[in-house]
Structure formats: C-alpha cells, structure tokens
Amino acid sequence: MEELEQLTSLIESGQLPLEQLLAGYERGAELLKFCRDKLQAVEEQIKVLDAGVLKPWASE
C-alpha cells in the first residue's frame, strides 16, 4: 500500500517523463489488484469469523 501511495504521488506530480509515467501506471495497476485481492481475502475470513468458525487465510 505504501509503494502504491508513493507511486501515486510521483504520477500526480507531473514530473515524470512519458515512459516512466506509463511504467508507473502499469505498476500501480498491479499494486492495486494485489491490494484488492488481499482485502477480498480478509473480508472472506471475517465472514467466516462472524459465523463462529476460524478458517486459515491462504496468502497467495
């Protein structure tokens, strides 16, 4: 998440050349997907916990 925030700041600064801007955007998209996937996994685990059953979280 920290890397994504730093990357967003760099992109928004307008100081990057086009090639680096594109690479940063692609990396940001990868990081965003990673964060969303992790959040979804945690949300699923919470649903299980709310039902009174602890299910191990697979970190893939």
PDB file of N, CA and C in Angstrom:
ATOM      1  N   MET A   1       0.825  -1.180   0.000  1.00  0.00           N
ATOM      2  CA  MET A   1       0.000   0.000   0.000  1.00  0.00           C
ATOM      3  C   MET A   1       0.878   1.257   0.000  1.00  0.00           C
ATOM      4  N   GLU A   2       1.956   1.186   0.784  1.00  0.00           N
ATOM      5  CA  GLU A   2       2.863   2.340   0.854  1.00  0.00           C
ATOM      6  C   GLU A   2       3.493   2.633  -0.506  1.00  0.00           C
ATOM      7  N   GLU A   3       3.904   1.573  -1.201  1.00  0.00           N
ATOM      8  CA  GLU A   3       4.500   1.762  -2.531  1.00  0.00           C
ATOM      9  C   GLU A   3       3.479   2.378  -3.489  1.00  0.00           C
ATOM     10  N   LEU A   4       2.234   1.933  -3.403  1.00  0.00           N
ATOM     11  CA  LEU A   4       1.185   2.475  -4.255  1.00  0.00           C
ATOM     12  C   LEU A   4       0.963   3.961  -3.971  1.00  0.00           C
ATOM     13  N   GLU A   5       0.968   4.335  -2.703  1.00  0.00           N
ATOM     14  CA  GLU A   5       0.800   5.746  -2.343  1.00  0.00           C
ATOM     15  C   GLU A   5       1.952   6.600  -2.865  1.00  0.00           C
ATOM     16  N   GLN A   6       3.174   6.098  -2.739  1.00  0.00           N
ATOM     17  CA  GLN A   6       4.337   6.845  -3.231  1.00  0.00           C
ATOM     18  C   GLN A   6       4.285   6.980  -4.752  1.00  0.00           C
ATOM     19  N   LEU A   7       3.905   5.916  -5.405  1.00  0.00           N
ATOM     20  CA  LEU A   7       3.813   5.923  -6.859  1.00  0.00           C
ATOM     21  C   LEU A   7       2.741   6.902  -7.326  1.00  0.00           C
ATOM     22  N   THR A   8       1.622   6.916  -6.642  1.00  0.00           N
ATOM     23  CA  THR A   8       0.545   7.846  -6.977  1.00  0.00           C
ATOM     24  C   THR A   8       1.020   9.289  -6.852  1.00  0.00           C
ATOM     25  N   SER A   9       1.754   9.582  -5.797  1.00  0.00           N
ATOM     26  CA  SER A   9       2.284  10.942  -5.611  1.00  0.00           C
ATOM     27  C   SER A   9       3.218  11.331  -6.747  1.00  0.00           C
ATOM     28  N   LEU A  10       4.079  10.410  -7.154  1.00  0.00           N
ATOM     29  CA  LEU A  10       5.000  10.685  -8.263  1.00  0.00           C
ATOM     30  C   LEU A  10       4.245  10.951  -9.555  1.00  0.00           C
ATOM     31  N   ILE A  11       3.255  10.122  -9.839  1.00  0.00           N
ATOM     32  CA  ILE A  11       2.482  10.277 -11.074  1.00  0.00           C
ATOM     33  C   ILE A  11       1.733  11.613 -11.058  1.00  0.00           C
ATOM     34  N   GLU A  12       1.127  11.937  -9.937  1.00  0.00           N
ATOM     35  CA  GLU A  12       0.356  13.174  -9.831  1.00  0.00           C
ATOM     36  C   GLU A  12       1.227  14.426  -9.855  1.00  0.00           C
ATOM     37  N   SER A  13       2.512  14.263  -9.564  1.00  0.00           N
ATOM     38  CA  SER A  13       3.402  15.429  -9.546  1.00  0.00           C
ATOM     39  C   SER A  13       3.600  16.030 -10.932  1.00  0.00           C
ATOM     40  N   GLY A  14       3.410  15.214 -11.961  1.00  0.00           N
ATOM     41  CA  GLY A  14       3.612  15.698 -13.323  1.00  0.00           C
ATOM     42  C   GLY A  14       5.068  15.849 -13.696  1.00  0.00           C
ATOM     43  N   GLN A  15       5.974  15.291 -12.900  1.00  0.00           N
ATOM     44  CA  GLN A  15       7.406  15.456 -13.125  1.00  0.00           C
ATOM     45  C   GLN A  15       8.039  14.291 -13.891  1.00  0.00           C
ATOM     46  N   LEU A  16       7.265  13.235 -14.172  1.00  0.00           N
ATOM     47  CA  LEU A  16       7.830  12.055 -14.810  1.00  0.00           C
ATOM     48  C   LEU A  16       7.769  12.149 -16.334  1.00  0.00           C
ATOM     49  N   PRO A  17       8.810  11.676 -17.007  1.00  0.00           N
ATOM     50  CA  PRO A  17       8.738  11.569 -18.462  1.00  0.00           C
ATOM     51  C   PRO A  17       7.658  10.537 -18.842  1.00  0.00           C
ATOM     52  N   LEU A  18       7.170  10.621 -20.061  1.00  0.00           N
ATOM     53  CA  LEU A  18       6.068   9.783 -20.502  1.00  0.00           C
ATOM     54  C   LEU A  18       6.345   8.292 -20.293  1.00  0.00           C
ATOM     55  N   GLU A  19       7.537   7.845 -20.617  1.00  0.00           N
ATOM     56  CA  GLU A  19       7.877   6.424 -20.481  1.00  0.00           C
ATOM     57  C   GLU A  19       7.785   5.976 -19.015  1.00  0.00           C
ATOM     58  N   GLN A  20       8.313   6.778 -18.113  1.00  0.00           N
ATOM     59  CA  GLN A  20       8.240   6.448 -16.688  1.00  0.00           C
ATOM     60  C   GLN A  20       6.811   6.564 -16.166  1.00  0.00           C
ATOM     61  N   LEU A  21       6.059   7.488 -16.719  1.00  0.00           N
ATOM     62  CA  LEU A  21       4.660   7.647 -16.330  1.00  0.00           C
ATOM     63  C   LEU A  21       3.868   6.393 -16.685  1.00  0.00           C
ATOM     64  N   LEU A  22       4.081   5.880 -17.882  1.00  0.00           N
ATOM     65  CA  LEU A  22       3.394   4.671 -18.316  1.00  0.00           C
ATOM     66  C   LEU A  22       3.805   3.474 -17.466  1.00  0.00           C
ATOM     67  N   ALA A  23       5.095   3.329 -17.200  1.00  0.00           N
ATOM     68  CA  ALA A  23       5.575   2.228 -16.362  1.00  0.00           C
ATOM     69  C   ALA A  23       5.007   2.349 -14.949  1.00  0.00           C
ATOM     70  N   GLY A  24       4.939   3.570 -14.440  1.00  0.00           N
ATOM     71  CA  GLY A  24       4.378   3.787 -13.114  1.00  0.00           C
ATOM     72  C   GLY A  24       2.907   3.452 -13.058  1.00  0.00           C
ATOM     73  N   TYR A  25       2.180   3.803 -14.106  1.00  0.00           N
ATOM     74  CA  TYR A  25       0.756   3.492 -14.173  1.00  0.00           C
ATOM     75  C   TYR A  25       0.542   1.975 -14.180  1.00  0.00           C
ATOM     76  N   GLU A  26       1.351   1.264 -14.975  1.00  0.00           N
ATOM     77  CA  GLU A  26       1.242  -0.202 -15.041  1.00  0.00           C
ATOM     78  C   GLU A  26       1.556  -0.834 -13.684  1.00  0.00           C
ATOM     79  N   ARG A  27       2.606  -0.352 -13.041  1.00  0.00           N
ATOM     80  CA  ARG A  27       2.962  -0.877 -11.711  1.00  0.00           C
ATOM     81  C   ARG A  27       1.853  -0.564 -10.709  1.00  0.00           C
ATOM     82  N   GLY A  28       1.297   0.622 -10.788  1.00  0.00           N
ATOM     83  CA  GLY A  28       0.206   0.998  -9.905  1.00  0.00           C
ATOM     84  C   GLY A  28      -1.002   0.093 -10.084  1.00  0.00           C
ATOM     85  N   ALA A  29      -1.321  -0.260 -11.323  1.00  0.00           N
ATOM     86  CA  ALA A  29      -2.439  -1.163 -11.585  1.00  0.00           C
ATOM     87  C   ALA A  29      -2.180  -2.529 -10.964  1.00  0.00           C
ATOM     88  N   GLU A  30      -0.941  -3.019 -11.061  1.00  0.00           N
ATOM     89  CA  GLU A  30      -0.579  -4.298 -10.441  1.00  0.00           C
ATOM     90  C   GLU A  30      -0.726  -4.237  -8.921  1.00  0.00           C
ATOM     91  N   LEU A  31      -0.232  -3.159  -8.335  1.00  0.00           N
ATOM     92  CA  LEU A  31      -0.312  -2.999  -6.880  1.00  0.00           C
ATOM     93  C   LEU A  31      -1.759  -2.874  -6.412  1.00  0.00           C
ATOM     94  N   LEU A  32      -2.566  -2.172  -7.174  1.00  0.00           N
ATOM     95  CA  LEU A  32      -3.973  -2.022  -6.821  1.00  0.00           C
ATOM     96  C   LEU A  32      -4.677  -3.370  -6.850  1.00  0.00           C
ATOM     97  N   LYS A  33      -4.407  -4.179  -7.859  1.00  0.00           N
ATOM     98  CA  LYS A  33      -5.003  -5.512  -7.935  1.00  0.00           C
ATOM     99  C   LYS A  33      -4.559  -6.362  -6.746  1.00  0.00           C
ATOM    100  N   PHE A  34      -3.270  -6.303  -6.413  1.00  0.00           N
ATOM    101  CA  PHE A  34      -2.743  -7.052  -5.285  1.00  0.00           C
ATOM    102  C   PHE A  34      -3.462  -6.657  -3.993  1.00  0.00           C
ATOM    103  N   CYS A  35      -3.596  -5.349  -3.772  1.00  0.00           N
ATOM    104  CA  CYS A  35      -4.262  -4.858  -2.553  1.00  0.00           C
ATOM    105  C   CYS A  35      -5.729  -5.270  -2.516  1.00  0.00           C
ATOM    106  N   ARG A  36      -6.402  -5.169  -3.643  1.00  0.00           N
ATOM    107  CA  ARG A  36      -7.812  -5.579  -3.697  1.00  0.00           C
ATOM    108  C   ARG A  36      -7.975  -7.066  -3.410  1.00  0.00           C
ATOM    109  N   ASP A  37      -7.077  -7.883  -3.954  1.00  0.00           N
ATOM    110  CA  ASP A  37      -7.139  -9.326  -3.709  1.00  0.00           C
ATOM    111  C   ASP A  37      -6.932  -9.641  -2.232  1.00  0.00           C
ATOM    112  N   LYS A  38      -5.979  -8.970  -1.606  1.00  0.00           N
ATOM    113  CA  LYS A  38      -5.718  -9.188  -0.177  1.00  0.00           C
ATOM    114  C   LYS A  38      -6.916  -8.738   0.656  1.00  0.00           C
ATOM    115  N   LEU A  39      -7.491  -7.612   0.306  1.00  0.00           N
ATOM    116  CA  LEU A  39      -8.662  -7.120   1.022  1.00  0.00           C
ATOM    117  C   LEU A  39      -9.824  -8.101   0.896  1.00  0.00           C
ATOM    118  N   GLN A  40     -10.031  -8.635  -0.297  1.00  0.00           N
ATOM    119  CA  GLN A  40     -11.096  -9.612  -0.503  1.00  0.00           C
ATOM    120  C   GLN A  40     -10.867 -10.851   0.363  1.00  0.00           C
ATOM    121  N   ALA A  41      -9.619 -11.318   0.452  1.00  0.00           N
ATOM    122  CA  ALA A  41      -9.303 -12.486   1.268  1.00  0.00           C
ATOM    123  C   ALA A  41      -9.599 -12.212   2.741  1.00  0.00           C
ATOM    124  N   VAL A  42      -9.245 -11.031   3.218  1.00  0.00           N
ATOM    125  CA  VAL A  42      -9.504 -10.673   4.608  1.00  0.00           C
ATOM    126  C   VAL A  42     -11.010 -10.566   4.855  1.00  0.00           C
ATOM    127  N   GLU A  43     -11.743  -9.981   3.912  1.00  0.00           N
ATOM    128  CA  GLU A  43     -13.192  -9.881   4.058  1.00  0.00           C
ATOM    129  C   GLU A  43     -13.832 -11.264   4.144  1.00  0.00           C
ATOM    130  N   GLU A  44     -13.347 -12.199   3.348  1.00  0.00           N
ATOM    131  CA  GLU A  44     -13.875 -13.566   3.391  1.00  0.00           C
ATOM    132  C   GLU A  44     -13.570 -14.219   4.738  1.00  0.00           C
ATOM    133  N   GLN A  45     -12.375 -13.979   5.264  1.00  0.00           N
ATOM    134  CA  GLN A  45     -12.014 -14.539   6.564  1.00  0.00           C
ATOM    135  C   GLN A  45     -12.899 -13.949   7.664  1.00  0.00           C
ATOM    136  N   ILE A  46     -13.185 -12.676   7.580  1.00  0.00           N
ATOM    137  CA  ILE A  46     -14.047 -12.027   8.575  1.00  0.00           C
ATOM    138  C   ILE A  46     -15.440 -12.635   8.533  1.00  0.00           C
ATOM    139  N   LYS A  47     -15.937 -12.916   7.337  1.00  0.00           N
ATOM    140  CA  LYS A  47     -17.249 -13.552   7.217  1.00  0.00           C
ATOM    141  C   LYS A  47     -17.251 -14.893   7.935  1.00  0.00           C
ATOM    142  N   VAL A  48     -16.172 -15.638   7.784  1.00  0.00           N
ATOM    143  CA  VAL A  48     -16.066 -16.936   8.447  1.00  0.00           C
ATOM    144  C   VAL A  48     -16.012 -16.738   9.957  1.00  0.00           C
ATOM    145  N   LEU A  49     -15.222 -15.766  10.411  1.00  0.00           N
ATOM    146  CA  LEU A  49     -15.122 -15.499  11.844  1.00  0.00           C
ATOM    147  C   LEU A  49     -16.469 -15.075  12.422  1.00  0.00           C
ATOM    148  N   ASP A  50     -17.207 -14.292  11.679  1.00  0.00           N
ATOM    149  CA  ASP A  50     -18.519 -13.857  12.144  1.00  0.00           C
ATOM    150  C   ASP A  50     -19.467 -15.037  12.324  1.00  0.00           C
ATOM    151  N   ALA A  51     -19.246 -16.080  11.582  1.00  0.00           N
ATOM    152  CA  ALA A  51     -20.078 -17.275  11.705  1.00  0.00           C
ATOM    153  C   ALA A  51     -19.589 -18.175  12.845  1.00  0.00           C
ATOM    154  N   GLY A  52     -18.533 -17.767  13.526  1.00  0.00           N
ATOM    155  CA  GLY A  52     -18.023 -18.525  14.662  1.00  0.00           C
ATOM    156  C   GLY A  52     -17.017 -19.592  14.311  1.00  0.00           C
ATOM    157  N   VAL A  53     -16.529 -19.595  13.075  1.00  0.00           N
ATOM    158  CA  VAL A  53     -15.577 -20.608  12.641  1.00  0.00           C
ATOM    159  C   VAL A  53     -14.328 -19.906  12.127  1.00  0.00           C
ATOM    160  N   LEU A  54     -13.168 -20.329  12.601  1.00  0.00           N
ATOM    161  CA  LEU A  54     -11.905 -19.754  12.139  1.00  0.00           C
ATOM    162  C   LEU A  54     -11.381 -20.572  10.969  1.00  0.00           C
ATOM    163  N   LYS A  55     -11.191 -19.935   9.850  1.00  0.00           N
ATOM    164  CA  LYS A  55     -10.667 -20.581   8.655  1.00  0.00           C
ATOM    165  C   LYS A  55      -9.311 -19.960   8.332  1.00  0.00           C
ATOM    166  N   PRO A  56      -8.293 -20.775   8.119  1.00  0.00           N
ATOM    167  CA  PRO A  56      -6.957 -20.200   7.811  1.00  0.00           C
ATOM    168  C   PRO A  56      -6.996 -19.394   6.518  1.00  0.00           C
ATOM    169  N   TRP A  57      -6.199 -18.333   6.525  1.00  0.00           N
ATOM    170  CA  TRP A  57      -6.124 -17.444   5.375  1.00  0.00           C
ATOM    171  C   TRP A  57      -4.940 -17.850   4.521  1.00  0.00           C
ATOM    172  N   ALA A  58      -5.186 -18.185   3.280  1.00  0.00           N
ATOM    173  CA  ALA A  58      -4.118 -18.569   2.354  1.00  0.00           C
ATOM    174  C   ALA A  58      -3.551 -17.309   1.731  1.00  0.00           C
ATOM    175  N   SER A  59      -2.266 -17.063   1.904  1.00  0.00           N
ATOM    176  CA  SER A  59      -1.633 -15.858   1.343  1.00  0.00           C
ATOM    177  C   SER A  59      -0.995 -16.192   0.002  1.00  0.00           C
ATOM    178  N   GLU A  60      -1.784 -16.134  -1.036  1.00  0.00           N
ATOM    179  CA  GLU A  60      -1.294 -16.431  -2.370  1.00  0.00           C
ATOM    180  C   GLU A  60      -1.213 -15.190  -3.199  1.00  0.00           C
TER     181      GLU A  60
END
